[in-house]
Amino acid sequence: GGLGGEKARWTQAAHDLHESFTRLIGDMLLASGVIAYLGAFTTEFRNHAIEQWTAGIMEKGIPCSAHFNFIHALGDPVKMRSWQIWGLPKDDVSAANAIIIFEGGRWPLCI
């Protein structure tokens, strides 16, 4: 019938949700590190630091995403779209800086 494909889609969605829930602690640890320490640095430095942190977290046995993406971890697509409508450039650095500013408890230095 018409709903035959829905079971497979929902089963996959449930599996994906379980996987992201398993990696949540490590991903939020990485995201908090980005907010606390990486606001003032270039994209290259941020990516290098995240790679090193990811390796360290995995060595400790804490599950996290192998290819952590800060924007996907903390970004709200609706907020990010509204920022773009109000003039924020559409690049990842601008989006990450905006997330750092809005999600951080302090005012970070962003370049």
PDB file of N, CA and C in Angstrom:
ATOM      1  N   GLY A   1       0.792  -1.180   0.000  1.00  0.00           N
ATOM      2  CA  GLY A   1       0.000   0.000   0.000  1.00  0.00           C
ATOM      3  C   GLY A   1       0.843   1.257   0.000  1.00  0.00           C
ATOM      4  N   GLY A   2       0.147   2.360   0.178  1.00  0.00           N
ATOM      5  CA  GLY A   2       0.768   3.676   0.136  1.00  0.00           C
ATOM      6  C   GLY A   2       1.687   3.971   1.300  1.00  0.00           C
ATOM      7  N   LEU A   3       1.505   3.277   2.404  1.00  0.00           N
ATOM      8  CA  LEU A   3       2.333   3.551   3.574  1.00  0.00           C
ATOM      9  C   LEU A   3       3.462   2.545   3.753  1.00  0.00           C
ATOM     10  N   GLY A   4       3.660   1.672   2.771  1.00  0.00           N
ATOM     11  CA  GLY A   4       4.686   0.642   2.888  1.00  0.00           C
ATOM     12  C   GLY A   4       6.083   1.201   3.100  1.00  0.00           C
ATOM     13  N   GLY A   5       6.407   2.298   2.437  1.00  0.00           N
ATOM     14  CA  GLY A   5       7.727   2.908   2.578  1.00  0.00           C
ATOM     15  C   GLY A   5       7.901   3.684   3.863  1.00  0.00           C
ATOM     16  N   GLU A   6       6.809   4.014   4.519  1.00  0.00           N
ATOM     17  CA  GLU A   6       6.884   4.797   5.751  1.00  0.00           C
ATOM     18  C   GLU A   6       7.543   4.021   6.881  1.00  0.00           C
ATOM     19  N   LYS A   7       7.311   2.719   6.958  1.00  0.00           N
ATOM     20  CA  LYS A   7       7.926   1.924   8.024  1.00  0.00           C
ATOM     21  C   LYS A   7       9.442   1.993   7.923  1.00  0.00           C
ATOM     22  N   ALA A   8       9.960   1.843   6.708  1.00  0.00           N
ATOM     23  CA  ALA A   8      11.413   1.903   6.521  1.00  0.00           C
ATOM     24  C   ALA A   8      11.950   3.291   6.862  1.00  0.00           C
ATOM     25  N   ARG A   9      11.234   4.319   6.458  1.00  0.00           N
ATOM     26  CA  ARG A   9      11.679   5.689   6.728  1.00  0.00           C
ATOM     27  C   ARG A   9      11.674   5.967   8.219  1.00  0.00           C
ATOM     28  N   TRP A  10      10.611   5.569   8.925  1.00  0.00           N
ATOM     29  CA  TRP A  10      10.526   5.794  10.366  1.00  0.00           C
ATOM     30  C   TRP A  10      11.541   4.949  11.124  1.00  0.00           C
ATOM     31  N   THR A  11      11.790   3.742  10.651  1.00  0.00           N
ATOM     32  CA  THR A  11      12.795   2.890  11.288  1.00  0.00           C
ATOM     33  C   THR A  11      14.170   3.534  11.168  1.00  0.00           C
ATOM     34  N   GLN A  12      14.477   4.069   9.991  1.00  0.00           N
ATOM     35  CA  GLN A  12      15.764   4.744   9.791  1.00  0.00           C
ATOM     36  C   GLN A  12      15.848   6.007  10.639  1.00  0.00           C
ATOM     37  N   ALA A  13      14.756   6.776  10.706  1.00  0.00           N
ATOM     38  CA  ALA A  13      14.747   7.993  11.520  1.00  0.00           C
ATOM     39  C   ALA A  13      14.972   7.661  12.995  1.00  0.00           C
ATOM     40  N   ALA A  14      14.348   6.584  13.484  1.00  0.00           N
ATOM     41  CA  ALA A  14      14.540   6.171  14.880  1.00  0.00           C
ATOM     42  C   ALA A  14      15.983   5.746  15.124  1.00  0.00           C
ATOM     43  N   HIS A  15      16.568   5.035  14.176  1.00  0.00           N
ATOM     44  CA  HIS A  15      17.966   4.613  14.296  1.00  0.00           C
ATOM     45  C   HIS A  15      18.892   5.834  14.325  1.00  0.00           C
ATOM     46  N   ASP A  16      18.656   6.789  13.417  1.00  0.00           N
ATOM     47  CA  ASP A  16      19.481   7.998  13.364  1.00  0.00           C
ATOM     48  C   ASP A  16      19.361   8.808  14.652  1.00  0.00           C
ATOM     49  N   LEU A  17      18.156   8.900  15.194  1.00  0.00           N
ATOM     50  CA  LEU A  17      17.945   9.625  16.445  1.00  0.00           C
ATOM     51  C   LEU A  17      18.681   8.951  17.597  1.00  0.00           C
ATOM     52  N   HIS A  18      18.635   7.628  17.634  1.00  0.00           N
ATOM     53  CA  HIS A  18      19.359   6.885  18.675  1.00  0.00           C
ATOM     54  C   HIS A  18      20.867   7.131  18.562  1.00  0.00           C
ATOM     55  N   GLU A  19      21.389   7.114  17.347  1.00  0.00           N
ATOM     56  CA  GLU A  19      22.820   7.356  17.130  1.00  0.00           C
ATOM     57  C   GLU A  19      23.208   8.771  17.573  1.00  0.00           C
ATOM     58  N   SER A  20      22.405   9.765  17.217  1.00  0.00           N
ATOM     59  CA  SER A  20      22.746  11.136  17.613  1.00  0.00           C
ATOM     60  C   SER A  20      22.614  11.309  19.127  1.00  0.00           C
ATOM     61  N   PHE A  21      21.659  10.617  19.752  1.00  0.00           N
ATOM     62  CA  PHE A  21      21.522  10.672  21.208  1.00  0.00           C
ATOM     63  C   PHE A  21      22.747  10.057  21.884  1.00  0.00           C
ATOM     64  N   THR A  22      23.281   8.989  21.312  1.00  0.00           N
ATOM     65  CA  THR A  22      24.469   8.334  21.858  1.00  0.00           C
ATOM     66  C   THR A  22      25.674   9.267  21.816  1.00  0.00           C
ATOM     67  N   ARG A  23      25.786  10.078  20.769  1.00  0.00           N
ATOM     68  CA  ARG A  23      26.929  10.982  20.590  1.00  0.00           C
ATOM     69  C   ARG A  23      26.722  12.350  21.241  1.00  0.00           C
ATOM     70  N   LEU A  24      25.576  12.564  21.864  1.00  0.00           N
ATOM     71  CA  LEU A  24      25.211  13.882  22.374  1.00  0.00           C
ATOM     72  C   LEU A  24      26.202  14.433  23.397  1.00  0.00           C
ATOM     73  N   ILE A  25      26.632  13.629  24.347  1.00  0.00           N
ATOM     74  CA  ILE A  25      27.535  14.118  25.397  1.00  0.00           C
ATOM     75  C   ILE A  25      28.854  14.606  24.799  1.00  0.00           C
ATOM     76  N   GLY A  26      29.452  13.809  23.949  1.00  0.00           N
ATOM     77  CA  GLY A  26      30.710  14.215  23.333  1.00  0.00           C
ATOM     78  C   GLY A  26      30.555  15.421  22.431  1.00  0.00           C
ATOM     79  N   ASP A  27      29.465  15.464  21.670  1.00  0.00           N
ATOM     80  CA  ASP A  27      29.242  16.601  20.775  1.00  0.00           C
ATOM     81  C   ASP A  27      29.021  17.896  21.555  1.00  0.00           C
ATOM     82  N   MET A  28      28.307  17.813  22.675  1.00  0.00           N
ATOM     83  CA  MET A  28      28.090  19.023  23.483  1.00  0.00           C
ATOM     84  C   MET A  28      29.372  19.436  24.211  1.00  0.00           C
ATOM     85  N   LEU A  29      30.219  18.476  24.548  1.00  0.00           N
ATOM     86  CA  LEU A  29      31.523  18.801  25.120  1.00  0.00           C
ATOM     87  C   LEU A  29      32.354  19.579  24.100  1.00  0.00           C
ATOM     88  N   LEU A  30      32.348  19.117  22.857  1.00  0.00           N
ATOM     89  CA  LEU A  30      33.059  19.829  21.792  1.00  0.00           C
ATOM     90  C   LEU A  30      32.447  21.212  21.561  1.00  0.00           C
ATOM     91  N   ALA A  31      31.124  21.291  21.525  1.00  0.00           N
ATOM     92  CA  ALA A  31      30.460  22.576  21.291  1.00  0.00           C
ATOM     93  C   ALA A  31      30.776  23.567  22.402  1.00  0.00           C
ATOM     94  N   SER A  32      30.794  23.102  23.645  1.00  0.00           N
ATOM     95  CA  SER A  32      31.114  24.011  24.752  1.00  0.00           C
ATOM     96  C   SER A  32      32.558  24.479  24.664  1.00  0.00           C
ATOM     97  N   GLY A  33      33.450  23.625  24.190  1.00  0.00           N
ATOM     98  CA  GLY A  33      34.836  24.030  23.985  1.00  0.00           C
ATOM     99  C   GLY A  33      34.961  25.091  22.906  1.00  0.00           C
ATOM    100  N   VAL A  34      34.200  24.936  21.842  1.00  0.00           N
ATOM    101  CA  VAL A  34      34.214  25.942  20.770  1.00  0.00           C
ATOM    102  C   VAL A  34      33.746  27.283  21.324  1.00  0.00           C
ATOM    103  N   ILE A  35      32.654  27.279  22.057  1.00  0.00           N
ATOM    104  CA  ILE A  35      32.117  28.526  22.610  1.00  0.00           C
ATOM    105  C   ILE A  35      33.108  29.167  23.580  1.00  0.00           C
ATOM    106  N   ALA A  36      33.701  28.358  24.438  1.00  0.00           N
ATOM    107  CA  ALA A  36      34.574  28.901  25.482  1.00  0.00           C
ATOM    108  C   ALA A  36      35.930  29.373  24.959  1.00  0.00           C
ATOM    109  N   TYR A  37      36.476  28.682  23.957  1.00  0.00           N
ATOM    110  CA  TYR A  37      37.873  28.935  23.605  1.00  0.00           C
ATOM    111  C   TYR A  37      38.150  29.380  22.175  1.00  0.00           C
ATOM    112  N   LEU A  38      37.278  29.110  21.227  1.00  0.00           N
ATOM    113  CA  LEU A  38      37.675  29.275  19.827  1.00  0.00           C
ATOM    114  C   LEU A  38      37.079  30.477  19.111  1.00  0.00           C
ATOM    115  N   GLY A  39      36.341  31.336  19.800  1.00  0.00           N
ATOM    116  CA  GLY A  39      35.705  32.470  19.132  1.00  0.00           C
ATOM    117  C   GLY A  39      36.663  33.417  18.441  1.00  0.00           C
ATOM    118  N   ALA A  40      37.851  33.578  18.953  1.00  0.00           N
ATOM    119  CA  ALA A  40      38.784  34.578  18.419  1.00  0.00           C
ATOM    120  C   ALA A  40      39.698  34.029  17.322  1.00  0.00           C
ATOM    121  N   PHE A  41      39.518  32.785  16.932  1.00  0.00           N
ATOM    122  CA  PHE A  41      40.469  32.165  16.022  1.00  0.00           C
ATOM    123  C   PHE A  41      39.906  31.951  14.622  1.00  0.00           C
ATOM    124  N   THR A  42      40.803  31.704  13.691  1.00  0.00           N
ATOM    125  CA  THR A  42      40.427  31.482  12.294  1.00  0.00           C
ATOM    126  C   THR A  42      39.768  30.118  12.113  1.00  0.00           C
ATOM    127  N   THR A  43      39.139  29.944  10.977  1.00  0.00           N
ATOM    128  CA  THR A  43      38.491  28.671  10.659  1.00  0.00           C
ATOM    129  C   THR A  43      39.487  27.524  10.677  1.00  0.00           C
ATOM    130  N   GLU A  44      40.662  27.754  10.118  1.00  0.00           N
ATOM    131  CA  GLU A  44      41.672  26.703  10.072  1.00  0.00           C
ATOM    132  C   GLU A  44      42.079  26.272  11.483  1.00  0.00           C
ATOM    133  N   PHE A  45      42.298  27.240  12.353  1.00  0.00           N
ATOM    134  CA  PHE A  45      42.682  26.927  13.728  1.00  0.00           C
ATOM    135  C   PHE A  45      41.540  26.221  14.448  1.00  0.00           C
ATOM    136  N   ARG A  46      40.326  26.711  14.256  1.00  0.00           N
ATOM    137  CA  ARG A  46      39.162  26.080  14.884  1.00  0.00           C
ATOM    138  C   ARG A  46      39.050  24.613  14.449  1.00  0.00           C
ATOM    139  N   ASN A  47      39.151  24.375  13.150  1.00  0.00           N
ATOM    140  CA  ASN A  47      39.031  23.005  12.642  1.00  0.00           C
ATOM    141  C   ASN A  47      40.121  22.102  13.186  1.00  0.00           C
ATOM    142  N   HIS A  48      41.347  22.620  13.264  1.00  0.00           N
ATOM    143  CA  HIS A  48      42.462  21.839  13.797  1.00  0.00           C
ATOM    144  C   HIS A  48      42.222  21.505  15.279  1.00  0.00           C
ATOM    145  N   ALA A  49      41.789  22.493  16.041  1.00  0.00           N
ATOM    146  CA  ALA A  49      41.514  22.256  17.466  1.00  0.00           C
ATOM    147  C   ALA A  49      40.394  21.231  17.641  1.00  0.00           C
ATOM    148  N   ILE A  50      39.332  21.353  16.848  1.00  0.00           N
ATOM    149  CA  ILE A  50      38.214  20.409  16.943  1.00  0.00           C
ATOM    150  C   ILE A  50      38.667  18.995  16.592  1.00  0.00           C
ATOM    151  N   GLU A  51      39.526  18.862  15.580  1.00  0.00           N
ATOM    152  CA  GLU A  51      40.056  17.534  15.229  1.00  0.00           C
ATOM    153  C   GLU A  51      40.836  16.935  16.394  1.00  0.00           C
ATOM    154  N   GLN A  52      41.684  17.745  17.021  1.00  0.00           N
ATOM    155  CA  GLN A  52      42.461  17.260  18.164  1.00  0.00           C
ATOM    156  C   GLN A  52      41.556  16.924  19.341  1.00  0.00           C
ATOM    157  N   TRP A  53      40.588  17.767  19.622  1.00  0.00           N
ATOM    158  CA  TRP A  53      39.668  17.505  20.725  1.00  0.00           C
ATOM    159  C   TRP A  53      38.847  16.244  20.467  1.00  0.00           C
ATOM    160  N   THR A  54      38.395  16.075  19.216  1.00  0.00           N
ATOM    161  CA  THR A  54      37.608  14.886  18.872  1.00  0.00           C
ATOM    162  C   THR A  54      38.420  13.624  19.108  1.00  0.00           C
ATOM    163  N   ALA A  55      39.678  13.644  18.677  1.00  0.00           N
ATOM    164  CA  ALA A  55      40.549  12.482  18.891  1.00  0.00           C
ATOM    165  C   ALA A  55      40.730  12.212  20.387  1.00  0.00           C
ATOM    166  N   GLY A  56      40.925  13.265  21.176  1.00  0.00           N
ATOM    167  CA  GLY A  56      41.094  13.104  22.612  1.00  0.00           C
ATOM    168  C   GLY A  56      39.845  12.561  23.284  1.00  0.00           C
ATOM    169  N   ILE A  57      38.699  13.043  22.865  1.00  0.00           N
ATOM    170  CA  ILE A  57      37.433  12.562  23.432  1.00  0.00           C
ATOM    171  C   ILE A  57      37.220  11.095  23.090  1.00  0.00           C
ATOM    172  N   MET A  58      37.514  10.733  21.846  1.00  0.00           N
ATOM    173  CA  MET A  58      37.346   9.335  21.437  1.00  0.00           C
ATOM    174  C   MET A  58      38.322   8.422  22.178  1.00  0.00           C
ATOM    175  N   GLU A  59      39.548   8.911  22.416  1.00  0.00           N
ATOM    176  CA  GLU A  59      40.522   8.130  23.183  1.00  0.00           C
ATOM    177  C   GLU A  59      40.024   7.836  24.590  1.00  0.00           C
ATOM    178  N   LYS A  60      39.279   8.762  25.156  1.00  0.00           N
ATOM    179  CA  LYS A  60      38.732   8.585  26.510  1.00  0.00           C
ATOM    180  C   LYS A  60      37.485   7.699  26.518  1.00  0.00           C
ATOM    181  N   GLY A  61      37.039   7.292  25.338  1.00  0.00           N
ATOM    182  CA  GLY A  61      35.868   6.426  25.249  1.00  0.00           C
ATOM    183  C   GLY A  61      34.540   7.152  25.318  1.00  0.00           C
ATOM    184  N   ILE A  62      34.573   8.465  25.149  1.00  0.00           N
ATOM    185  CA  ILE A  62      33.336   9.243  25.146  1.00  0.00           C
ATOM    186  C   ILE A  62      32.821   9.297  23.708  1.00  0.00           C
ATOM    187  N   PRO A  63      31.609   8.828  23.471  1.00  0.00           N
ATOM    188  CA  PRO A  63      31.097   8.852  22.096  1.00  0.00           C
ATOM    189  C   PRO A  63      30.861  10.282  21.611  1.00  0.00           C
ATOM    190  N   CYS A  64      31.276  10.548  20.389  1.00  0.00           N
ATOM    191  CA  CYS A  64      31.029  11.829  19.742  1.00  0.00           C
ATOM    192  C   CYS A  64      31.031  11.610  18.239  1.00  0.00           C
ATOM    193  N   SER A  65      30.584  12.612  17.500  1.00  0.00           N
ATOM    194  CA  SER A  65      30.579  12.515  16.043  1.00  0.00           C
ATOM    195  C   SER A  65      32.004  12.513  15.523  1.00  0.00           C
ATOM    196  N   ALA A  66      32.295  11.602  14.603  1.00  0.00           N
ATOM    197  CA  ALA A  66      33.641  11.529  14.023  1.00  0.00           C
ATOM    198  C   ALA A  66      33.969  12.798  13.248  1.00  0.00           C
ATOM    199  N   HIS A  67      32.968  13.396  12.632  1.00  0.00           N
ATOM    200  CA  HIS A  67      33.142  14.635  11.871  1.00  0.00           C
ATOM    201  C   HIS A  67      32.219  15.690  12.483  1.00  0.00           C
ATOM    202  N   PHE A  68      32.599  16.163  13.666  1.00  0.00           N
ATOM    203  CA  PHE A  68      31.788  17.129  14.405  1.00  0.00           C
ATOM    204  C   PHE A  68      31.592  18.392  13.600  1.00  0.00           C
ATOM    205  N   ASN A  69      30.363  18.902  13.595  1.00  0.00           N
ATOM    206  CA  ASN A  69      30.046  20.159  12.938  1.00  0.00           C
ATOM    207  C   ASN A  69      29.338  21.055  13.953  1.00  0.00           C
ATOM    208  N   PHE A  70      30.012  22.122  14.344  1.00  0.00           N
ATOM    209  CA  PHE A  70      29.494  23.032  15.364  1.00  0.00           C
ATOM    210  C   PHE A  70      28.149  23.622  14.967  1.00  0.00           C
ATOM    211  N   ILE A  71      28.013  24.003  13.710  1.00  0.00           N
ATOM    212  CA  ILE A  71      26.771  24.626  13.243  1.00  0.00           C
ATOM    213  C   ILE A  71      25.617  23.628  13.316  1.00  0.00           C
ATOM    214  N   HIS A  72      25.860  22.378  12.947  1.00  0.00           N
ATOM    215  CA  HIS A  72      24.806  21.368  13.029  1.00  0.00           C
ATOM    216  C   HIS A  72      24.493  21.008  14.475  1.00  0.00           C
ATOM    217  N   ALA A  73      25.494  21.090  15.345  1.00  0.00           N
ATOM    218  CA  ALA A  73      25.286  20.727  16.748  1.00  0.00           C
ATOM    219  C   ALA A  73      24.424  21.751  17.486  1.00  0.00           C
ATOM    220  N   LEU A  74      24.682  23.040  17.274  1.00  0.00           N
ATOM    221  CA  LEU A  74      23.975  24.073  18.044  1.00  0.00           C
ATOM    222  C   LEU A  74      23.153  25.039  17.205  1.00  0.00           C
ATOM    223  N   GLY A  75      23.294  24.966  15.895  1.00  0.00           N
ATOM    224  CA  GLY A  75      22.591  25.919  15.042  1.00  0.00           C
ATOM    225  C   GLY A  75      21.112  25.611  14.909  1.00  0.00           C
ATOM    226  N   ASP A  76      20.316  26.634  14.955  1.00  0.00           N
ATOM    227  CA  ASP A  76      18.875  26.546  14.712  1.00  0.00           C
ATOM    228  C   ASP A  76      18.635  27.103  13.313  1.00  0.00           C
ATOM    229  N   PRO A  77      18.229  26.258  12.365  1.00  0.00           N
ATOM    230  CA  PRO A  77      18.078  26.724  10.977  1.00  0.00           C
ATOM    231  C   PRO A  77      17.161  27.940  10.824  1.00  0.00           C
ATOM    232  N   VAL A  78      16.116  28.039  11.637  1.00  0.00           N
ATOM    233  CA  VAL A  78      15.198  29.175  11.535  1.00  0.00           C
ATOM    234  C   VAL A  78      15.892  30.459  12.000  1.00  0.00           C
ATOM    235  N   LYS A  79      16.610  30.396  13.127  1.00  0.00           N
ATOM    236  CA  LYS A  79      17.358  31.568  13.600  1.00  0.00           C
ATOM    237  C   LYS A  79      18.431  31.964  12.600  1.00  0.00           C
ATOM    238  N   MET A  80      19.149  30.965  12.082  1.00  0.00           N
ATOM    239  CA  MET A  80      20.231  31.263  11.147  1.00  0.00           C
ATOM    240  C   MET A  80      19.684  31.914   9.880  1.00  0.00           C
ATOM    241  N   ARG A  81      18.529  31.481   9.419  1.00  0.00           N
ATOM    242  CA  ARG A  81      17.912  32.095   8.240  1.00  0.00           C
ATOM    243  C   ARG A  81      17.504  33.535   8.542  1.00  0.00           C
ATOM    244  N   SER A  82      16.982  33.767   9.735  1.00  0.00           N
ATOM    245  CA  SER A  82      16.597  35.147  10.077  1.00  0.00           C
ATOM    246  C   SER A  82      17.829  36.044  10.174  1.00  0.00           C
ATOM    247  N   TRP A  83      18.934  35.510  10.674  1.00  0.00           N
ATOM    248  CA  TRP A  83      20.178  36.296  10.713  1.00  0.00           C
ATOM    249  C   TRP A  83      20.603  36.677   9.303  1.00  0.00           C
ATOM    250  N   GLN A  84      20.466  35.751   8.375  1.00  0.00           N
ATOM    251  CA  GLN A  84      20.837  36.025   6.983  1.00  0.00           C
ATOM    252  C   GLN A  84      19.903  37.065   6.364  1.00  0.00           C
ATOM    253  N   ILE A  85      18.628  36.993   6.687  1.00  0.00           N
ATOM    254  CA  ILE A  85      17.680  37.990   6.177  1.00  0.00           C
ATOM    255  C   ILE A  85      18.060  39.385   6.677  1.00  0.00           C
ATOM    256  N   TRP A  86      18.565  39.452   7.921  1.00  0.00           N
ATOM    257  CA  TRP A  86      18.964  40.722   8.507  1.00  0.00           C
ATOM    258  C   TRP A  86      20.374  41.144   8.114  1.00  0.00           C
ATOM    259  N   GLY A  87      21.036  40.373   7.238  1.00  0.00           N
ATOM    260  CA  GLY A  87      22.311  40.818   6.684  1.00  0.00           C
ATOM    261  C   GLY A  87      23.541  40.025   7.068  1.00  0.00           C
ATOM    262  N   LEU A  88      23.408  38.988   7.890  1.00  0.00           N
ATOM    263  CA  LEU A  88      24.577  38.178   8.217  1.00  0.00           C
ATOM    264  C   LEU A  88      25.022  37.419   6.970  1.00  0.00           C
ATOM    265  N   PRO A  89      26.300  37.464   6.627  1.00  0.00           N
ATOM    266  CA  PRO A  89      26.767  36.694   5.468  1.00  0.00           C
ATOM    267  C   PRO A  89      26.436  35.208   5.619  1.00  0.00           C
ATOM    268  N   LYS A  90      26.303  34.517   4.503  1.00  0.00           N
ATOM    269  CA  LYS A  90      25.866  33.124   4.507  1.00  0.00           C
ATOM    270  C   LYS A  90      26.998  32.121   4.694  1.00  0.00           C
ATOM    271  N   ASP A  91      28.178  32.577   5.065  1.00  0.00           N
ATOM    272  CA  ASP A  91      29.301  31.653   5.241  1.00  0.00           C
ATOM    273  C   ASP A  91      29.265  31.007   6.625  1.00  0.00           C
ATOM    274  N   ASP A  92      29.973  29.877   6.761  1.00  0.00           N
ATOM    275  CA  ASP A  92      29.974  29.117   8.008  1.00  0.00           C
ATOM    276  C   ASP A  92      30.630  29.864   9.168  1.00  0.00           C
ATOM    277  N   VAL A  93      31.659  30.659   8.886  1.00  0.00           N
ATOM    278  CA  VAL A  93      32.342  31.392   9.962  1.00  0.00           C
ATOM    279  C   VAL A  93      31.387  32.402  10.593  1.00  0.00           C
ATOM    280  N   SER A  94      30.645  33.122   9.781  1.00  0.00           N
ATOM    281  CA  SER A  94      29.686  34.094  10.313  1.00  0.00           C
ATOM    282  C   SER A  94      28.605  33.400  11.123  1.00  0.00           C
ATOM    283  N   ALA A  95      28.109  32.268  10.628  1.00  0.00           N
ATOM    284  CA  ALA A  95      27.086  31.512  11.359  1.00  0.00           C
ATOM    285  C   ALA A  95      27.642  31.003  12.682  1.00  0.00           C
ATOM    286  N   ALA A  96      28.857  30.462  12.656  1.00  0.00           N
ATOM    287  CA  ALA A  96      29.469  29.962  13.897  1.00  0.00           C
ATOM    288  C   ALA A  96      29.683  31.091  14.889  1.00  0.00           C
ATOM    289  N   ASN A  97      30.146  32.242  14.420  1.00  0.00           N
ATOM    290  CA  ASN A  97      30.349  33.379  15.316  1.00  0.00           C
ATOM    291  C   ASN A  97      29.031  33.835  15.937  1.00  0.00           C
ATOM    292  N   ALA A  98      27.972  33.852  15.146  1.00  0.00           N
ATOM    293  CA  ALA A  98      26.663  34.249  15.673  1.00  0.00           C
ATOM    294  C   ALA A  98      26.181  33.251  16.719  1.00  0.00           C
ATOM    295  N   ILE A  99      26.379  31.971  16.474  1.00  0.00           N
ATOM    296  CA  ILE A  99      25.991  30.957  17.451  1.00  0.00           C
ATOM    297  C   ILE A  99      26.784  31.138  18.742  1.00  0.00           C
ATOM    298  N   ILE A 100      28.094  31.402  18.609  1.00  0.00           N
ATOM    299  CA  ILE A 100      28.931  31.621  19.791  1.00  0.00           C
ATOM    300  C   ILE A 100      28.401  32.802  20.601  1.00  0.00           C
ATOM    301  N   ILE A 101      28.037  33.870  19.926  1.00  0.00           N
ATOM    302  CA  ILE A 101      27.548  35.064  20.616  1.00  0.00           C
ATOM    303  C   ILE A 101      26.208  34.794  21.299  1.00  0.00           C
ATOM    304  N   PHE A 102      25.290  34.127  20.588  1.00  0.00           N
ATOM    305  CA  PHE A 102      23.954  33.932  21.145  1.00  0.00           C
ATOM    306  C   PHE A 102      23.884  32.800  22.164  1.00  0.00           C
ATOM    307  N   GLU A 103      24.736  31.803  22.052  1.00  0.00           N
ATOM    308  CA  GLU A 103      24.684  30.668  22.972  1.00  0.00           C
ATOM    309  C   GLU A 103      25.657  30.799  24.139  1.00  0.00           C
ATOM    310  N   GLY A 104      26.651  31.669  24.016  1.00  0.00           N
ATOM    311  CA  GLY A 104      27.630  31.840  25.080  1.00  0.00           C
ATOM    312  C   GLY A 104      27.095  32.724  26.195  1.00  0.00           C
ATOM    313  N   GLY A 105      27.562  32.466  27.397  1.00  0.00           N
ATOM    314  CA  GLY A 105      27.148  33.277  28.538  1.00  0.00           C
ATOM    315  C   GLY A 105      27.953  34.552  28.668  1.00  0.00           C
ATOM    316  N   ARG A 106      29.031  34.652  27.927  1.00  0.00           N
ATOM    317  CA  ARG A 106      29.906  35.833  27.980  1.00  0.00           C
ATOM    318  C   ARG A 106      29.980  36.431  26.597  1.00  0.00           C
ATOM    319  N   TRP A 107      30.602  37.595  26.509  1.00  0.00           N
ATOM    320  CA  TRP A 107      30.819  38.206  25.207  1.00  0.00           C
ATOM    321  C   TRP A 107      32.185  37.779  24.698  1.00  0.00           C
ATOM    322  N   PRO A 108      32.252  36.877  23.716  1.00  0.00           N
ATOM    323  CA  PRO A 108      33.549  36.422  23.222  1.00  0.00           C
ATOM    324  C   PRO A 108      34.158  37.434  22.250  1.00  0.00           C
ATOM    325  N   LEU A 109      35.443  37.302  22.068  1.00  0.00           N
ATOM    326  CA  LEU A 109      36.140  38.087  21.056  1.00  0.00           C
ATOM    327  C   LEU A 109      36.051  37.319  19.749  1.00  0.00           C
ATOM    328  N   CYS A 110      35.364  37.860  18.780  1.00  0.00           N
ATOM    329  CA  CYS A 110      35.227  37.221  17.463  1.00  0.00           C
ATOM    330  C   CYS A 110      35.895  38.086  16.423  1.00  0.00           C
ATOM    331  N   ILE A 111      36.662  37.448  15.572  1.00  0.00           N
ATOM    332  CA  ILE A 111      37.348  38.190  14.493  1.00  0.00           C
ATOM    333  C   ILE A 111      36.675  37.849  13.191  1.00  0.00           C
TER     334      ILE A 111
END
